[in-house]
Amino acid sequence: MSNEEAVKTAWQIHASLTEVTGRVDAKASFALTIESAALGAIVALSGAGVRLGRLSGPLPASLFWLGTALLGAAALAAVSVVIPRGDASAGTGPSNFVYYGQLRHWSPDRLADRLEEADLLPVLSWQLVEMSRIVWIKHQRVRQSLVLAVLGCATVALAGLLG
């Protein structure tokens, strides 16, 4: 494969990673919406005179608080997905003209000169690896969020059944 073909392929992978990042962020937003609704329902159902507000005994009360804490942790995991990532000083440093965190420091003339003379493949390769690392972390946190949410809801439901 020629360098030109490799750079073209790298840009295609870059576009794919950008799409995947958007989908993971959308899943995190969906998870946070569901988890917030579940927490709101728990608050509404734990008022005086309502089923979860009349829990008796240490086991149902402990399960209620454990489930609520799990749902809170799920929401925090979902929020952590959409928090911006990346370090403008990481990786290839100031020579990374693909990453916007570095690119913002460049002048248009300097960038034009660098694009004319540079071999894009090493910079793109670094960017792809870094993007993949970030997307993987986001994906894992969405998974954690959803698992914690299911466990939290199930634990609160069990508290309601036992209480």
Protein backbone atom coordinates (compact mmCIF):
# COMPACT_ATOMS: atom_id res chain seq x y z
CA MET A 1 0.00 0.00 0.00
CA SER A 2 1.37 3.40 -0.91
CA ASN A 3 1.69 6.19 1.64
CA GLU A 4 -1.12 8.05 -0.13
CA GLU A 5 -3.44 5.04 0.14
CA ALA A 6 -2.48 4.55 3.77
CA VAL A 7 -3.30 8.19 4.56
CA LYS A 8 -6.65 7.84 2.77
CA THR A 9 -7.42 4.71 4.78
CA ALA A 10 -6.38 6.46 8.00
CA TRP A 11 -8.81 9.31 7.28
CA GLN A 12 -11.59 6.77 6.64
CA ILE A 13 -10.84 5.14 9.99
CA HIS A 14 -10.81 8.60 11.59
CA ALA A 15 -14.27 9.31 10.19
CA SER A 16 -15.51 5.95 11.45
CA LEU A 17 -14.14 6.63 14.94
CA THR A 18 -15.83 10.02 14.94
CA GLU A 19 -19.16 8.32 14.14
CA VAL A 20 -18.65 5.71 16.84
CA THR A 21 -17.86 8.44 19.37
CA GLY A 22 -21.14 10.16 18.54
CA ARG A 23 -23.10 6.92 18.93
CA VAL A 24 -21.49 6.15 22.30
CA ASP A 25 -22.26 9.68 23.49
CA ALA A 26 -25.89 9.26 22.35
CA LYS A 27 -26.14 5.98 24.28
CA ALA A 28 -24.76 7.71 27.37
CA SER A 29 -27.34 10.49 27.02
CA PHE A 30 -30.11 7.90 26.71
CA ALA A 31 -28.79 6.03 29.77
CA LEU A 32 -28.62 9.25 31.79
CA THR A 33 -32.20 10.12 30.83
CA ILE A 34 -33.49 6.70 31.92
CA GLU A 35 -31.43 6.75 35.11
CA SER A 36 -32.61 10.24 36.00
CA ALA A 37 -36.20 9.17 35.46
CA ALA A 38 -35.66 6.12 37.67
CA LEU A 39 -34.15 8.29 40.41
CA GLY A 40 -37.11 10.68 40.10
CA ALA A 41 -39.53 7.78 40.39
CA ILE A 42 -37.74 6.54 43.49
CA VAL A 43 -38.01 9.98 45.07
CA ALA A 44 -41.71 10.15 44.17
CA LEU A 45 -42.37 6.64 45.52
CA SER A 46 -40.46 7.18 48.74
CA GLY A 47 -42.61 9.96 50.13
CA ALA A 48 -44.77 9.59 53.20
CA GLY A 49 -47.64 7.18 52.67
CA VAL A 50 -46.16 5.66 49.52
CA ARG A 51 -44.80 2.10 49.27
CA LEU A 52 -41.08 2.92 49.45
CA GLY A 53 -41.72 5.49 52.17
CA ARG A 54 -43.11 2.78 54.46
CA LEU A 55 -40.20 0.35 54.38
CA SER A 56 -39.76 -1.45 57.68
CA GLY A 57 -36.74 -3.30 58.90
CA PRO A 58 -33.04 -2.91 58.28
CA LEU A 59 -32.85 -5.19 55.20
CA PRO A 60 -35.43 -3.35 53.05
CA ALA A 61 -34.03 0.03 54.10
CA SER A 62 -30.46 -1.09 53.31
CA LEU A 63 -31.54 -2.46 49.94
CA PHE A 64 -33.37 0.78 49.17
CA TRP A 65 -30.30 2.90 49.87
CA LEU A 66 -27.99 0.49 48.09
CA GLY A 67 -30.21 0.53 45.01
CA THR A 68 -30.45 4.31 45.10
CA ALA A 69 -26.67 4.56 45.39
CA LEU A 70 -26.22 2.16 42.46
CA LEU A 71 -28.53 4.32 40.35
CA GLY A 72 -26.59 7.42 41.37
CA ALA A 73 -23.34 5.72 40.39
CA ALA A 74 -24.94 4.73 37.08
CA ALA A 75 -25.83 8.35 36.39
CA LEU A 76 -22.30 9.47 37.25
CA ALA A 77 -20.85 6.84 34.90
CA ALA A 78 -23.11 8.12 32.11
CA VAL A 79 -22.05 11.72 32.76
CA SER A 80 -18.40 10.68 32.69
CA VAL A 81 -18.87 9.46 29.12
CA VAL A 82 -19.72 12.87 27.73
CA ILE A 83 -17.11 14.83 29.67
CA PRO A 84 -14.57 16.08 27.12
CA ARG A 85 -11.39 14.02 26.97
CA GLY A 86 -7.96 14.49 25.59
CA ASP A 87 -4.94 16.42 26.63
CA ALA A 88 -3.70 19.15 24.35
CA SER A 89 -0.15 18.48 25.53
CA ALA A 90 -0.33 14.69 25.17
CA GLY A 91 1.14 12.45 22.53
CA THR A 92 3.10 14.04 19.75
CA GLY A 93 2.96 17.47 21.36
CA PRO A 94 2.99 20.65 19.32
CA SER A 95 3.68 18.76 16.07
CA ASN A 96 0.24 17.13 16.17
CA PHE A 97 -1.69 19.20 13.67
CA VAL A 98 -4.60 16.74 13.47
CA TYR A 99 -5.76 17.15 17.07
CA TYR A 100 -7.78 20.34 17.52
CA GLY A 101 -6.30 20.88 20.99
CA GLN A 102 -2.92 21.49 19.36
CA LEU A 103 -4.17 22.87 16.05
CA ARG A 104 -5.77 25.85 17.78
CA HIS A 105 -2.25 27.15 18.56
CA TRP A 106 -1.16 27.15 14.93
CA SER A 107 -1.27 30.06 12.50
CA PRO A 108 -2.97 29.40 9.14
CA ASP A 109 0.30 30.04 7.27
CA ARG A 110 2.31 27.69 9.47
CA LEU A 111 -0.35 25.00 9.08
CA ALA A 112 -0.45 25.39 5.29
CA ASP A 113 3.33 25.02 5.14
CA ARG A 114 3.28 21.98 7.45
CA LEU A 115 0.52 20.27 5.44
CA GLU A 116 2.52 20.72 2.23
CA GLU A 117 5.69 19.19 3.67
CA ALA A 118 4.51 16.70 6.28
CA ASP A 119 4.07 12.97 6.15
CA LEU A 120 0.53 12.72 7.54
CA LEU A 121 0.65 9.02 8.35
CA PRO A 122 2.56 9.18 11.67
CA VAL A 123 0.36 12.00 13.00
CA LEU A 124 -2.84 10.33 11.84
CA SER A 125 -1.72 7.01 13.30
CA TRP A 126 -1.17 8.61 16.69
CA GLN A 127 -4.57 10.30 16.45
CA LEU A 128 -6.33 7.03 15.58
CA VAL A 129 -4.77 5.22 18.53
CA GLU A 130 -5.68 8.04 20.91
CA MET A 131 -9.25 8.30 19.59
CA SER A 132 -9.67 4.53 19.89
CA ARG A 133 -8.47 4.62 23.50
CA ILE A 134 -10.99 7.35 24.33
CA VAL A 135 -13.88 5.62 22.55
CA TRP A 136 -13.08 2.35 24.35
CA ILE A 137 -13.19 4.09 27.74
CA LYS A 138 -16.49 5.77 26.83
CA HIS A 139 -17.94 2.43 25.69
CA GLN A 140 -16.92 0.72 28.93
CA ARG A 141 -18.48 3.50 31.01
CA VAL A 142 -21.78 3.29 29.13
CA ARG A 143 -21.79 -0.45 29.78
CA GLN A 144 -21.03 0.14 33.47
CA SER A 145 -23.76 2.75 33.65
CA LEU A 146 -26.40 0.45 32.23
CA VAL A 147 -25.39 -2.51 34.39
CA LEU A 148 -25.41 -0.34 37.53
CA ALA A 149 -28.82 1.05 36.57
CA VAL A 150 -30.34 -2.40 36.18
CA LEU A 151 -28.82 -3.54 39.47
CA GLY A 152 -30.00 -0.38 41.20
CA CYS A 153 -33.57 -0.67 39.95
CA ALA A 154 -33.70 -4.36 40.82
CA THR A 155 -32.36 -3.68 44.32
CA VAL A 156 -34.89 -0.90 44.97
CA ALA A 157 -37.68 -3.13 43.63
CA LEU A 158 -36.58 -5.92 45.96
CA ALA A 159 -36.60 -3.46 48.87
CA GLY A 160 -40.16 -2.54 47.96
CA LEU A 161 -41.23 -6.18 47.85
CA LEU A 162 -39.59 -7.00 51.17
CA GLY A 163 -40.61 -3.82 52.95
